[in-house]
């Protein structure tokens, strides 16, 4: 009932001599159950070339649709999981192009997935001095040398730099060929800054201790000289 013009639309193409391949639609059984089908329609012509009928082949694609729906639900579930985790998750194809960029990546960089989709990480997210080292790591991953871990800076959309600790692995397809590189990262910028501040503080304290030790030694020398006098 919701497709009153479908047949007339198809027949119009047939009357124009066109063939209709794999047209997906829905048909209804006698018991009222709807069945997804794929139609292939071809015009039938008489000896003079006049179109006199149409040949129709309908294939029941219920199982395929069910499989597609199951796959779609699984992908939606996986996408939801990736988006709610706190870690950065980025997936690259063999050319280094971004095909997955979760919300943690969006938050830390200021870029949306649509802005980075199909772009290569080293073209806009890396500092210049880190481009070649990251390309080398990427090549090693493609060659099957995984997992690996490293740290590098990402340049956010606003120009700020964030230090990320990465763990990398790869998804292998047929014939053990790496199809995708999968990286998960943790922003350690603040932790690094705190560590550096502690190192500076420790260095300053050590220098102060050396100064105090020196002053103490001088005072002891002076005390000895006073006694001898």
N, C-alpha and C. Protein backbone atom coordinates (compact mmCIF):
# COMPACT_ATOMS: atom_id res chain seq x y z
N UNK A 1 0.81 -1.23 0.00
CA UNK A 1 0.00 0.00 0.00
C UNK A 1 0.84 1.28 0.00
N UNK A 2 2.04 1.22 0.57
CA UNK A 2 2.87 2.42 0.65
C UNK A 2 3.73 2.60 -0.60
N UNK A 3 3.56 1.77 -1.62
CA UNK A 3 4.34 1.88 -2.84
C UNK A 3 3.43 1.85 -4.07
N UNK A 4 2.46 2.74 -4.15
CA UNK A 4 1.46 2.67 -5.24
C UNK A 4 2.04 2.96 -6.62
N UNK A 5 3.12 3.73 -6.69
CA UNK A 5 3.66 4.13 -7.99
C UNK A 5 4.89 3.32 -8.42
N UNK A 6 5.25 2.33 -7.63
CA UNK A 6 6.49 1.61 -7.91
C UNK A 6 6.43 0.87 -9.25
N UNK A 7 5.36 0.11 -9.48
CA UNK A 7 5.25 -0.69 -10.70
C UNK A 7 5.19 0.20 -11.94
N UNK A 8 4.41 1.25 -11.87
CA UNK A 8 4.30 2.15 -13.03
C UNK A 8 5.65 2.80 -13.34
N UNK A 9 6.40 3.12 -12.31
CA UNK A 9 7.72 3.72 -12.50
C UNK A 9 8.66 2.73 -13.18
N UNK A 10 8.62 1.46 -12.75
CA UNK A 10 9.47 0.43 -13.35
C UNK A 10 9.06 0.18 -14.79
N UNK A 11 7.76 0.06 -15.02
CA UNK A 11 7.28 -0.21 -16.38
C UNK A 11 7.60 0.94 -17.34
N UNK A 12 7.65 2.13 -16.80
CA UNK A 12 8.02 3.27 -17.65
C UNK A 12 9.45 3.10 -18.18
N UNK A 13 10.34 2.62 -17.33
CA UNK A 13 11.71 2.36 -17.77
C UNK A 13 11.75 1.23 -18.79
N UNK A 14 10.95 0.19 -18.54
CA UNK A 14 10.90 -0.94 -19.46
C UNK A 14 10.39 -0.48 -20.83
N UNK A 15 9.38 0.35 -20.84
CA UNK A 15 8.82 0.84 -22.10
C UNK A 15 9.82 1.69 -22.88
N UNK A 16 10.80 2.22 -22.17
CA UNK A 16 11.85 3.00 -22.83
C UNK A 16 13.02 2.12 -23.26
N UNK A 17 12.86 0.81 -23.06
CA UNK A 17 13.88 -0.14 -23.48
C UNK A 17 14.98 -0.35 -22.46
N UNK A 18 14.81 0.18 -21.28
CA UNK A 18 15.85 0.04 -20.25
C UNK A 18 15.68 -1.27 -19.49
N UNK A 19 16.79 -1.75 -19.00
CA UNK A 19 16.81 -2.94 -18.14
C UNK A 19 16.97 -2.47 -16.70
N UNK A 20 16.26 -3.09 -15.80
CA UNK A 20 16.34 -2.74 -14.38
C UNK A 20 17.04 -3.88 -13.65
N UNK A 21 18.20 -3.58 -13.06
CA UNK A 21 18.99 -4.62 -12.37
C UNK A 21 19.00 -4.40 -10.87
N UNK A 22 18.77 -5.48 -10.17
CA UNK A 22 18.92 -5.51 -8.69
C UNK A 22 18.16 -4.36 -8.02
N UNK A 23 16.94 -4.21 -8.38
CA UNK A 23 16.09 -3.19 -7.75
C UNK A 23 15.52 -3.79 -6.47
N UNK A 24 15.92 -3.20 -5.34
CA UNK A 24 15.50 -3.75 -4.05
C UNK A 24 14.21 -3.10 -3.59
N UNK A 25 13.29 -3.94 -3.20
CA UNK A 25 11.99 -3.46 -2.76
C UNK A 25 11.40 -4.49 -1.80
N UNK A 26 10.12 -4.37 -1.53
CA UNK A 26 9.43 -5.28 -0.61
C UNK A 26 8.17 -5.82 -1.29
N UNK A 27 7.93 -7.10 -1.13
CA UNK A 27 6.70 -7.71 -1.61
C UNK A 27 5.97 -8.34 -0.44
N UNK A 28 4.67 -8.57 -0.63
CA UNK A 28 3.85 -9.07 0.46
C UNK A 28 3.32 -10.47 0.13
N UNK A 29 3.51 -11.37 1.06
CA UNK A 29 2.98 -12.73 0.91
C UNK A 29 1.48 -12.77 1.13
N UNK A 30 0.90 -13.90 0.80
CA UNK A 30 -0.54 -14.09 0.98
C UNK A 30 -0.96 -13.92 2.43
N UNK A 31 -0.05 -14.34 3.34
CA UNK A 31 -0.37 -14.23 4.77
C UNK A 31 -0.10 -12.83 5.33
N UNK A 32 0.32 -11.89 4.46
CA UNK A 32 0.55 -10.53 4.89
C UNK A 32 1.97 -10.22 5.32
N UNK A 33 2.83 -11.24 5.37
CA UNK A 33 4.22 -11.01 5.78
C UNK A 33 4.99 -10.35 4.65
N UNK A 34 5.79 -9.34 5.01
CA UNK A 34 6.57 -8.62 4.02
C UNK A 34 7.90 -9.33 3.78
N UNK A 35 8.30 -9.39 2.52
CA UNK A 35 9.53 -10.08 2.14
C UNK A 35 10.40 -9.13 1.32
N UNK A 36 11.63 -8.88 1.74
CA UNK A 36 12.54 -8.06 0.92
C UNK A 36 13.01 -8.85 -0.29
N UNK A 37 12.96 -8.23 -1.46
CA UNK A 37 13.34 -8.91 -2.69
C UNK A 37 14.22 -8.00 -3.54
N UNK A 38 14.98 -8.64 -4.43
CA UNK A 38 15.77 -7.92 -5.43
C UNK A 38 15.22 -8.29 -6.79
N UNK A 39 14.83 -7.29 -7.57
CA UNK A 39 14.18 -7.52 -8.86
C UNK A 39 15.14 -7.21 -10.01
N UNK A 40 15.09 -8.06 -11.01
CA UNK A 40 15.77 -7.79 -12.27
C UNK A 40 14.71 -7.88 -13.37
N UNK A 41 14.52 -6.81 -14.11
CA UNK A 41 13.48 -6.74 -15.14
C UNK A 41 14.10 -6.41 -16.49
N UNK A 42 13.65 -7.12 -17.50
CA UNK A 42 14.16 -6.90 -18.86
C UNK A 42 12.98 -6.79 -19.82
N UNK A 43 13.07 -5.89 -20.79
CA UNK A 43 12.01 -5.78 -21.80
C UNK A 43 12.03 -6.97 -22.76
N UNK A 44 10.87 -7.42 -23.16
CA UNK A 44 10.73 -8.47 -24.18
C UNK A 44 10.19 -7.84 -25.44
N UNK A 45 10.87 -8.10 -26.54
CA UNK A 45 10.50 -7.46 -27.80
C UNK A 45 10.04 -8.50 -28.81
N UNK A 46 9.16 -8.06 -29.72
CA UNK A 46 8.75 -8.95 -30.81
C UNK A 46 9.76 -8.85 -31.96
N UNK A 47 9.46 -9.48 -33.08
CA UNK A 47 10.40 -9.51 -34.19
C UNK A 47 10.68 -8.12 -34.77
N UNK A 48 9.74 -7.23 -34.61
CA UNK A 48 9.93 -5.88 -35.15
C UNK A 48 10.66 -4.96 -34.19
N UNK A 49 10.95 -5.47 -32.97
CA UNK A 49 11.65 -4.67 -31.98
C UNK A 49 10.72 -3.93 -31.04
N UNK A 50 9.43 -4.16 -31.17
CA UNK A 50 8.46 -3.50 -30.30
C UNK A 50 8.42 -4.21 -28.95
N UNK A 51 8.40 -3.42 -27.88
CA UNK A 51 8.33 -3.98 -26.53
C UNK A 51 6.91 -4.45 -26.27
N UNK A 52 6.77 -5.74 -25.98
CA UNK A 52 5.44 -6.30 -25.78
C UNK A 52 5.24 -6.83 -24.36
N UNK A 53 6.32 -6.98 -23.60
CA UNK A 53 6.18 -7.53 -22.24
C UNK A 53 7.46 -7.25 -21.46
N UNK A 54 7.46 -7.71 -20.23
CA UNK A 54 8.64 -7.58 -19.38
C UNK A 54 8.89 -8.89 -18.66
N UNK A 55 10.16 -9.28 -18.60
CA UNK A 55 10.58 -10.47 -17.86
C UNK A 55 11.07 -10.05 -16.49
N UNK A 56 10.55 -10.70 -15.47
CA UNK A 56 10.91 -10.31 -14.10
C UNK A 56 11.46 -11.50 -13.34
N UNK A 57 12.60 -11.29 -12.70
CA UNK A 57 13.16 -12.28 -11.79
C UNK A 57 13.25 -11.63 -10.41
N UNK A 58 12.65 -12.28 -9.42
CA UNK A 58 12.67 -11.76 -8.05
C UNK A 58 13.43 -12.72 -7.15
N UNK A 59 14.37 -12.19 -6.41
CA UNK A 59 15.16 -13.01 -5.50
C UNK A 59 14.85 -12.60 -4.06
N UNK A 60 14.60 -13.58 -3.23
CA UNK A 60 14.35 -13.34 -1.82
C UNK A 60 15.69 -12.99 -1.15
N UNK A 61 15.80 -11.80 -0.60
CA UNK A 61 17.06 -11.37 0.02
C UNK A 61 16.90 -11.18 1.53
N UNK A 62 15.98 -11.94 2.12
CA UNK A 62 15.72 -11.82 3.56
C UNK A 62 16.98 -12.08 4.38
N UNK A 63 17.68 -13.19 4.07
CA UNK A 63 18.87 -13.54 4.86
C UNK A 63 19.96 -12.48 4.70
N UNK A 64 20.12 -11.98 3.49
CA UNK A 64 21.14 -10.96 3.28
C UNK A 64 20.82 -9.70 4.06
N UNK A 65 19.55 -9.31 4.05
CA UNK A 65 19.13 -8.13 4.81
C UNK A 65 19.34 -8.33 6.30
N UNK A 66 19.03 -9.53 6.77
CA UNK A 66 19.23 -9.82 8.19
C UNK A 66 20.72 -9.73 8.55
N UNK A 67 21.57 -10.26 7.67
CA UNK A 67 23.01 -10.20 7.91
C UNK A 67 23.50 -8.76 7.89
N UNK A 68 22.98 -7.96 6.95
CA UNK A 68 23.37 -6.55 6.87
C UNK A 68 22.93 -5.79 8.11
N UNK A 69 21.73 -6.09 8.58
CA UNK A 69 21.23 -5.43 9.79
C UNK A 69 22.07 -5.79 11.00
N UNK A 70 22.43 -7.09 11.09
CA UNK A 70 23.27 -7.53 12.21
C UNK A 70 24.63 -6.86 12.16
N UNK A 71 25.20 -6.77 10.96
CA UNK A 71 26.51 -6.12 10.80
C UNK A 71 26.42 -4.64 11.14
N UNK A 72 25.33 -3.99 10.71
CA UNK A 72 25.14 -2.58 10.99
C UNK A 72 25.01 -2.35 12.50
N UNK A 73 24.27 -3.22 13.18
CA UNK A 73 24.14 -3.08 14.63
C UNK A 73 25.48 -3.27 15.33
N UNK A 74 26.27 -4.24 14.83
CA UNK A 74 27.59 -4.47 15.43
C UNK A 74 28.50 -3.27 15.22
N UNK A 75 28.45 -2.70 14.02
CA UNK A 75 29.28 -1.52 13.75
C UNK A 75 28.84 -0.35 14.61
N UNK A 76 27.52 -0.18 14.76
CA UNK A 76 27.02 0.91 15.59
C UNK A 76 27.44 0.71 17.05
N UNK A 77 27.40 -0.54 17.50
CA UNK A 77 27.82 -0.85 18.87
C UNK A 77 29.30 -0.54 19.05
N UNK A 78 30.13 -1.01 18.10
CA UNK A 78 31.56 -0.76 18.19
C UNK A 78 31.87 0.73 18.16
N UNK A 79 31.14 1.45 17.30
CA UNK A 79 31.35 2.89 17.20
C UNK A 79 30.98 3.57 18.51
N UNK A 80 29.90 3.11 19.14
CA UNK A 80 29.47 3.70 20.41
C UNK A 80 30.51 3.45 21.49
N UNK A 81 31.06 2.23 21.51
CA UNK A 81 32.09 1.90 22.50
C UNK A 81 33.32 2.78 22.31
N UNK A 82 33.76 2.93 21.07
CA UNK A 82 34.93 3.75 20.78
C UNK A 82 34.73 5.20 21.20
N UNK A 83 33.49 5.67 21.06
CA UNK A 83 33.22 7.08 21.35
C UNK A 83 33.10 7.38 22.85
N UNK A 84 32.80 6.36 23.65
CA UNK A 84 32.62 6.63 25.08
C UNK A 84 33.89 6.36 25.88
N UNK A 85 34.85 5.64 25.29
CA UNK A 85 36.08 5.39 26.05
C UNK A 85 36.88 6.68 26.17
N UNK A 86 37.65 6.76 27.25
CA UNK A 86 38.42 7.98 27.49
C UNK A 86 39.68 8.07 26.66
N UNK A 87 40.18 6.93 26.19
CA UNK A 87 41.42 6.92 25.41
C UNK A 87 41.17 7.41 23.99
N UNK A 88 42.23 7.93 23.39
CA UNK A 88 42.16 8.32 21.99
C UNK A 88 42.25 7.05 21.14
N UNK A 89 41.40 6.94 20.14
CA UNK A 89 41.44 5.80 19.23
C UNK A 89 41.42 6.33 17.80
N UNK A 90 42.43 5.96 17.03
CA UNK A 90 42.51 6.38 15.64
C UNK A 90 42.86 5.16 14.80
N UNK A 91 42.19 5.03 13.65
CA UNK A 91 42.43 3.90 12.74
C UNK A 91 42.85 4.46 11.39
N UNK A 92 43.95 3.92 10.86
CA UNK A 92 44.49 4.37 9.58
C UNK A 92 44.49 3.22 8.59
N UNK A 93 44.28 3.55 7.31
CA UNK A 93 44.41 2.53 6.28
C UNK A 93 45.87 2.41 5.86
N UNK A 94 46.15 1.62 4.84
CA UNK A 94 47.54 1.36 4.45
C UNK A 94 48.24 2.60 3.91
N UNK A 95 47.47 3.59 3.47
CA UNK A 95 48.06 4.84 2.99
C UNK A 95 48.24 5.87 4.10
N UNK A 96 47.86 5.49 5.32
CA UNK A 96 47.98 6.41 6.44
C UNK A 96 46.80 7.36 6.56
N UNK A 97 45.75 7.11 5.79
CA UNK A 97 44.57 7.98 5.82
C UNK A 97 43.67 7.60 7.00
N UNK A 98 43.11 8.61 7.62
CA UNK A 98 42.27 8.39 8.80
C UNK A 98 40.90 7.87 8.37
N UNK A 99 40.51 6.72 8.93
CA UNK A 99 39.18 6.18 8.65
C UNK A 99 38.35 6.07 9.94
N UNK A 100 39.00 6.29 11.08
CA UNK A 100 38.27 6.32 12.35
C UNK A 100 38.97 7.29 13.28
N UNK A 101 38.19 8.12 13.95
CA UNK A 101 38.72 9.20 14.79
C UNK A 101 37.68 9.43 15.88
N UNK A 102 37.90 8.82 17.06
CA UNK A 102 36.82 8.84 18.05
C UNK A 102 36.68 10.20 18.73
N UNK A 103 35.69 10.30 19.59
CA UNK A 103 35.36 11.60 20.19
C UNK A 103 36.47 12.12 21.09
N UNK A 104 37.21 11.21 21.71
CA UNK A 104 38.34 11.66 22.53
C UNK A 104 39.36 12.38 21.65
N UNK A 105 39.57 11.87 20.44
CA UNK A 105 40.47 12.55 19.49
C UNK A 105 39.89 13.91 19.10
N UNK A 106 38.59 13.96 18.88
CA UNK A 106 37.94 15.21 18.51
C UNK A 106 38.11 16.25 19.62
N UNK A 107 37.91 15.80 20.87
CA UNK A 107 37.99 16.74 21.99
C UNK A 107 39.40 17.30 22.15
N UNK A 108 40.40 16.45 21.99
CA UNK A 108 41.76 16.88 22.27
C UNK A 108 42.35 17.72 21.14
N UNK A 109 41.88 17.50 19.91
CA UNK A 109 42.44 18.22 18.76
C UNK A 109 41.58 19.39 18.32
N UNK A 110 40.28 19.34 18.61
CA UNK A 110 39.38 20.38 18.12
C UNK A 110 38.88 20.13 16.71
N UNK A 111 39.35 19.03 16.10
CA UNK A 111 38.88 18.65 14.76
C UNK A 111 37.74 17.65 14.87
N UNK A 112 36.75 17.76 13.99
CA UNK A 112 35.71 16.76 13.91
C UNK A 112 36.17 15.64 12.98
N UNK A 113 35.52 14.49 13.08
CA UNK A 113 35.88 13.37 12.21
C UNK A 113 35.73 13.74 10.74
N UNK A 114 34.69 14.50 10.42
CA UNK A 114 34.46 14.89 9.03
C UNK A 114 35.61 15.76 8.51
N UNK A 115 36.24 16.52 9.40
CA UNK A 115 37.35 17.38 8.98
C UNK A 115 38.64 16.60 8.72
N UNK A 116 38.79 15.46 9.38
CA UNK A 116 40.05 14.71 9.26
C UNK A 116 39.91 13.45 8.41
N UNK A 117 38.70 13.06 8.11
CA UNK A 117 38.47 11.81 7.36
C UNK A 117 39.21 11.83 6.03
N UNK A 118 39.99 10.79 5.79
CA UNK A 118 40.74 10.67 4.54
C UNK A 118 42.06 11.41 4.52
N UNK A 119 42.36 12.20 5.56
CA UNK A 119 43.63 12.91 5.63
C UNK A 119 44.67 12.04 6.33
N UNK A 120 45.92 12.33 6.10
CA UNK A 120 47.00 11.58 6.73
C UNK A 120 47.49 12.34 7.96
N UNK A 121 47.77 11.59 9.01
CA UNK A 121 48.14 12.17 10.30
C UNK A 121 49.32 13.12 10.16
N UNK A 122 50.34 12.70 9.40
CA UNK A 122 51.58 13.49 9.33
C UNK A 122 51.43 14.74 8.47
N UNK A 123 50.29 14.92 7.83
CA UNK A 123 50.08 16.11 7.01
C UNK A 123 49.61 17.32 7.83
N UNK A 124 49.09 17.09 9.03
CA UNK A 124 48.56 18.24 9.77
C UNK A 124 48.58 18.09 11.29
N UNK A 125 48.78 16.89 11.82
CA UNK A 125 48.71 16.71 13.27
C UNK A 125 50.08 16.64 13.95
N UNK A 126 51.15 16.47 13.16
CA UNK A 126 52.47 16.27 13.75
C UNK A 126 53.35 17.50 13.61
N UNK A 127 54.28 17.65 14.56
CA UNK A 127 55.31 18.67 14.41
C UNK A 127 56.26 18.22 13.30
N UNK A 128 56.91 19.15 12.66
CA UNK A 128 57.74 18.85 11.50
C UNK A 128 58.84 17.84 11.81
N UNK A 129 59.45 17.97 13.00
CA UNK A 129 60.57 17.09 13.34
C UNK A 129 60.11 15.66 13.64
N UNK A 130 58.81 15.45 13.84
CA UNK A 130 58.32 14.12 14.17
C UNK A 130 57.71 13.40 12.97
N UNK A 131 57.63 14.06 11.83
CA UNK A 131 56.98 13.46 10.66
C UNK A 131 57.72 12.20 10.21
N UNK A 132 59.00 12.31 9.94
CA UNK A 132 59.75 11.16 9.45
C UNK A 132 59.81 10.00 10.45
N UNK A 133 60.06 10.26 11.75
CA UNK A 133 60.05 9.15 12.71
C UNK A 133 58.70 8.42 12.75
N UNK A 134 57.59 9.17 12.66
CA UNK A 134 56.28 8.52 12.70
C UNK A 134 56.04 7.73 11.42
N UNK A 135 56.47 8.25 10.28
CA UNK A 135 56.35 7.50 9.03
C UNK A 135 57.13 6.18 9.12
N UNK A 136 58.29 6.23 9.74
CA UNK A 136 59.09 5.02 9.91
C UNK A 136 58.37 3.99 10.78
N UNK A 137 57.77 4.46 11.87
CA UNK A 137 57.00 3.57 12.74
C UNK A 137 55.83 2.98 11.97
N UNK A 138 55.16 3.80 11.17
CA UNK A 138 54.01 3.33 10.39
C UNK A 138 54.44 2.25 9.41
N UNK A 139 55.56 2.44 8.75
CA UNK A 139 56.07 1.44 7.80
C UNK A 139 56.39 0.12 8.51
N UNK A 140 56.93 0.21 9.71
CA UNK A 140 57.23 -1.00 10.48
C UNK A 140 55.94 -1.75 10.84
N UNK A 141 54.90 -1.00 11.17
CA UNK A 141 53.61 -1.63 11.47
C UNK A 141 53.06 -2.35 10.25
N UNK A 142 53.16 -1.71 9.09
CA UNK A 142 52.68 -2.34 7.86
C UNK A 142 53.48 -3.59 7.54
N UNK A 143 54.74 -3.60 7.95
CA UNK A 143 55.60 -4.75 7.70
C UNK A 143 55.39 -5.87 8.72
N UNK A 144 54.48 -5.66 9.66
CA UNK A 144 54.17 -6.69 10.64
C UNK A 144 54.92 -6.58 11.95
N UNK A 145 55.65 -5.48 12.14
CA UNK A 145 56.39 -5.29 13.39
C UNK A 145 55.50 -4.56 14.41
N UNK A 146 54.64 -5.31 15.03
CA UNK A 146 53.73 -4.74 16.02
C UNK A 146 53.51 -5.78 17.12
N UNK A 147 53.06 -5.33 18.30
CA UNK A 147 52.71 -3.95 18.65
C UNK A 147 53.96 -3.13 18.99
N UNK A 148 53.78 -1.82 19.10
CA UNK A 148 54.85 -0.96 19.57
C UNK A 148 54.26 0.21 20.33
N UNK A 149 55.12 0.90 21.05
CA UNK A 149 54.68 2.04 21.86
C UNK A 149 55.65 3.20 21.66
N UNK A 150 55.13 4.40 21.71
CA UNK A 150 55.99 5.58 21.60
C UNK A 150 55.20 6.79 22.07
N UNK A 151 55.89 7.92 22.17
CA UNK A 151 55.26 9.19 22.53
C UNK A 151 55.55 10.22 21.45
N UNK A 152 54.57 11.05 21.16
CA UNK A 152 54.81 12.16 20.25
C UNK A 152 53.76 13.25 20.49
N UNK A 153 54.04 14.42 19.95
CA UNK A 153 53.13 15.55 20.11
C UNK A 153 52.12 15.61 18.97
N UNK A 154 50.89 15.96 19.31
CA UNK A 154 49.86 16.29 18.32
C UNK A 154 49.61 17.79 18.37
N UNK A 155 49.43 18.39 17.21
CA UNK A 155 49.12 19.81 17.14
C UNK A 155 47.61 19.97 17.01
N UNK A 156 47.01 20.61 18.00
CA UNK A 156 45.56 20.81 17.97
C UNK A 156 45.19 21.90 16.96
N UNK A 157 43.91 22.00 16.71
CA UNK A 157 43.41 22.98 15.74
C UNK A 157 43.75 24.40 16.15
N UNK A 158 43.81 24.65 17.47
CA UNK A 158 44.13 25.98 17.97
C UNK A 158 45.64 26.24 18.06
N UNK A 159 46.44 25.27 17.61
CA UNK A 159 47.89 25.44 17.61
C UNK A 159 48.59 24.92 18.86
N UNK A 160 47.85 24.52 19.86
CA UNK A 160 48.48 23.99 21.08
C UNK A 160 49.03 22.59 20.83
N UNK A 161 50.01 22.19 21.65
CA UNK A 161 50.64 20.89 21.49
C UNK A 161 50.25 19.99 22.67
N UNK A 162 49.89 18.76 22.33
CA UNK A 162 49.54 17.78 23.35
C UNK A 162 50.44 16.56 23.19
N UNK A 163 51.03 16.11 24.29
CA UNK A 163 51.91 14.95 24.26
C UNK A 163 51.06 13.69 24.48
N UNK A 164 51.16 12.74 23.53
CA UNK A 164 50.35 11.54 23.57
C UNK A 164 51.24 10.31 23.68
N UNK A 165 50.88 9.40 24.58
CA UNK A 165 51.55 8.10 24.68
C UNK A 165 50.71 7.08 23.91
N UNK A 166 51.31 6.49 22.87
CA UNK A 166 50.58 5.62 21.95
C UNK A 166 50.95 4.15 22.14
N UNK A 167 49.93 3.30 21.96
CA UNK A 167 50.13 1.86 21.81
C UNK A 167 49.53 1.49 20.46
N UNK A 168 50.30 0.79 19.65
CA UNK A 168 49.88 0.53 18.27
C UNK A 168 49.85 -0.95 17.95
N UNK A 169 48.85 -1.31 17.16
CA UNK A 169 48.77 -2.66 16.64
C UNK A 169 48.19 -2.58 15.24
N UNK A 170 47.91 -3.73 14.63
CA UNK A 170 47.42 -3.72 13.26
C UNK A 170 46.35 -4.79 13.09
N UNK A 171 45.48 -4.55 12.13
CA UNK A 171 44.45 -5.52 11.77
C UNK A 171 44.90 -6.20 10.48
N UNK A 172 45.06 -7.52 10.56
CA UNK A 172 45.60 -8.28 9.43
C UNK A 172 44.45 -8.95 8.68
N UNK A 173 44.49 -8.85 7.35
CA UNK A 173 43.47 -9.45 6.51
C UNK A 173 43.96 -10.72 5.86
N UNK A 174 43.51 -10.97 4.65
CA UNK A 174 43.89 -12.17 3.93
C UNK A 174 45.39 -12.19 3.63
N UNK A 175 45.95 -13.39 3.63
CA UNK A 175 47.37 -13.59 3.32
C UNK A 175 48.28 -12.81 4.26
N UNK A 176 47.79 -12.58 5.51
CA UNK A 176 48.59 -11.91 6.54
C UNK A 176 49.06 -10.52 6.13
N UNK A 177 48.26 -9.85 5.32
CA UNK A 177 48.58 -8.48 4.92
C UNK A 177 47.90 -7.50 5.87
N UNK A 178 48.67 -6.55 6.38
CA UNK A 178 48.11 -5.55 7.28
C UNK A 178 47.17 -4.64 6.49
N UNK A 179 45.94 -4.55 6.95
CA UNK A 179 44.95 -3.70 6.27
C UNK A 179 44.77 -2.37 6.98
N UNK A 180 44.81 -2.39 8.32
CA UNK A 180 44.59 -1.17 9.09
C UNK A 180 45.55 -1.10 10.27
N UNK A 181 45.97 0.09 10.59
CA UNK A 181 46.77 0.34 11.79
C UNK A 181 45.86 0.97 12.84
N UNK A 182 45.85 0.39 14.02
CA UNK A 182 44.97 0.85 15.09
C UNK A 182 45.83 1.38 16.23
N UNK A 183 45.60 2.62 16.61
CA UNK A 183 46.39 3.25 17.67
C UNK A 183 45.47 3.74 18.78
N UNK A 184 45.87 3.47 20.01
CA UNK A 184 45.17 4.01 21.18
C UNK A 184 46.16 4.87 21.95
N UNK A 185 45.70 6.03 22.38
CA UNK A 185 46.60 6.97 23.03
C UNK A 185 46.04 7.58 24.29
N UNK A 186 46.94 8.04 25.14
CA UNK A 186 46.58 8.73 26.38
C UNK A 186 47.32 10.06 26.41
N UNK A 187 46.59 11.11 26.69
CA UNK A 187 47.18 12.44 26.79
C UNK A 187 47.98 12.53 28.09
N UNK A 188 49.28 12.69 27.97
CA UNK A 188 50.15 12.75 29.15
C UNK A 188 50.80 14.13 29.27
N UNK A 189 50.19 15.14 28.65
CA UNK A 189 50.78 16.48 28.66
C UNK A 189 50.96 16.99 30.08
N UNK A 190 49.89 16.95 30.87
CA UNK A 190 49.96 17.47 32.24
C UNK A 190 50.92 16.64 33.09
N UNK A 191 50.87 15.31 32.90
CA UNK A 191 51.76 14.45 33.67
C UNK A 191 53.21 14.75 33.35
N UNK A 192 53.49 14.99 32.08
CA UNK A 192 54.85 15.34 31.68
C UNK A 192 55.27 16.66 32.28
N UNK A 193 54.35 17.63 32.27
CA UNK A 193 54.67 18.94 32.83
C UNK A 193 54.94 18.85 34.32
N UNK A 194 54.13 18.05 35.01
CA UNK A 194 54.34 17.87 36.45
C UNK A 194 55.68 17.20 36.70
N UNK A 195 56.00 16.18 35.89
CA UNK A 195 57.27 15.49 36.05
C UNK A 195 58.46 16.41 35.83
N UNK A 196 58.35 17.25 34.80
CA UNK A 196 59.44 18.19 34.52
C UNK A 196 59.57 19.21 35.64
N UNK A 197 58.41 19.65 36.18
CA UNK A 197 58.45 20.60 37.30
C UNK A 197 59.10 19.97 38.52
N UNK A 198 58.80 18.70 38.77
CA UNK A 198 59.40 18.00 39.91
C UNK A 198 60.90 17.84 39.70
N UNK A 199 61.29 17.56 38.46
CA UNK A 199 62.72 17.44 38.17
C UNK A 199 63.45 18.75 38.42
N UNK A 200 62.82 19.84 37.98
CA UNK A 200 63.44 21.16 38.21
C UNK A 200 63.51 21.46 39.70
N UNK A 201 62.43 21.11 40.42
CA UNK A 201 62.40 21.35 41.86
C UNK A 201 63.47 20.52 42.57
N UNK A 202 63.60 19.27 42.14
CA UNK A 202 64.61 18.40 42.73
C UNK A 202 66.01 18.93 42.46
N UNK A 203 66.22 19.39 41.23
CA UNK A 203 67.53 19.96 40.88
C UNK A 203 67.83 21.19 41.74
N UNK A 204 66.83 22.07 41.89
CA UNK A 204 67.02 23.28 42.71
C UNK A 204 67.33 22.91 44.15
N UNK A 205 66.63 21.89 44.67
CA UNK A 205 66.87 21.47 46.05
C UNK A 205 68.28 20.90 46.20
N UNK A 206 68.70 20.11 45.23
CA UNK A 206 70.05 19.54 45.29
C UNK A 206 71.10 20.64 45.26
N UNK A 207 70.88 21.64 44.42
CA UNK A 207 71.83 22.75 44.35
C UNK A 207 71.86 23.51 45.67
N UNK A 208 70.67 23.65 46.26
CA UNK A 208 70.61 24.34 47.55
C UNK A 208 71.34 23.56 48.63
N UNK A 209 71.17 22.24 48.59
CA UNK A 209 71.86 21.39 49.57
C UNK A 209 73.37 21.52 49.39
N UNK A 210 73.82 21.57 48.13
CA UNK A 210 75.26 21.74 47.88
C UNK A 210 75.75 23.07 48.45
N UNK A 211 74.95 24.11 48.26
CA UNK A 211 75.32 25.42 48.80
C UNK A 211 75.42 25.38 50.32
N UNK A 212 74.44 24.74 50.95
CA UNK A 212 74.44 24.65 52.42
C UNK A 212 75.63 23.84 52.92
N UNK A 213 75.93 22.73 52.16
CA UNK A 213 77.10 21.93 52.55
C UNK A 213 78.37 22.75 52.45
N UNK A 214 78.46 23.55 51.42
CA UNK A 214 79.65 24.39 51.22
C UNK A 214 79.76 25.41 52.34
N UNK A 215 78.63 26.06 52.68
CA UNK A 215 78.63 27.04 53.76
C UNK A 215 78.99 26.40 55.09
N UNK A 216 78.48 25.19 55.30
CA UNK A 216 78.79 24.48 56.54
C UNK A 216 80.28 24.18 56.64
N UNK A 217 80.85 23.74 55.51
CA UNK A 217 82.28 23.43 55.51
C UNK A 217 83.10 24.68 55.77
N UNK A 218 82.69 25.81 55.17
CA UNK A 218 83.40 27.07 55.39
C UNK A 218 83.31 27.49 56.86
N UNK A 219 82.14 27.32 57.43
CA UNK A 219 81.95 27.71 58.84
C UNK A 219 82.82 26.87 59.76
N UNK A 220 82.96 25.58 59.44
CA UNK A 220 83.79 24.72 60.27
C UNK A 220 85.26 25.14 60.18
N UNK A 221 85.68 25.53 58.98
CA UNK A 221 87.06 26.00 58.79
C UNK A 221 87.29 27.26 59.60
N UNK A 222 86.32 28.16 59.57
CA UNK A 222 86.44 29.42 60.32
C UNK A 222 86.48 29.16 61.81
N UNK A 223 85.66 28.21 62.28
CA UNK A 223 85.64 27.89 63.70
C UNK A 223 87.02 27.37 64.13
N UNK A 224 87.63 26.55 63.33
CA UNK A 224 88.93 25.98 63.64
C UNK A 224 89.99 27.09 63.74
N UNK A 225 89.92 28.01 62.79
CA UNK A 225 90.87 29.10 62.80
C UNK A 225 90.68 29.97 64.04
N UNK A 226 89.46 30.21 64.48
CA UNK A 226 89.19 31.02 65.70
C UNK A 226 89.80 30.37 66.90
N UNK A 227 89.67 29.05 67.02
CA UNK A 227 90.20 28.34 68.18
C UNK A 227 91.73 28.44 68.21
N UNK A 228 92.34 28.26 67.05
CA UNK A 228 93.80 28.30 67.00
C UNK A 228 94.34 29.69 67.33
N UNK A 229 93.59 30.72 67.00
CA UNK A 229 94.02 32.06 67.31
C UNK A 229 93.91 32.33 68.80
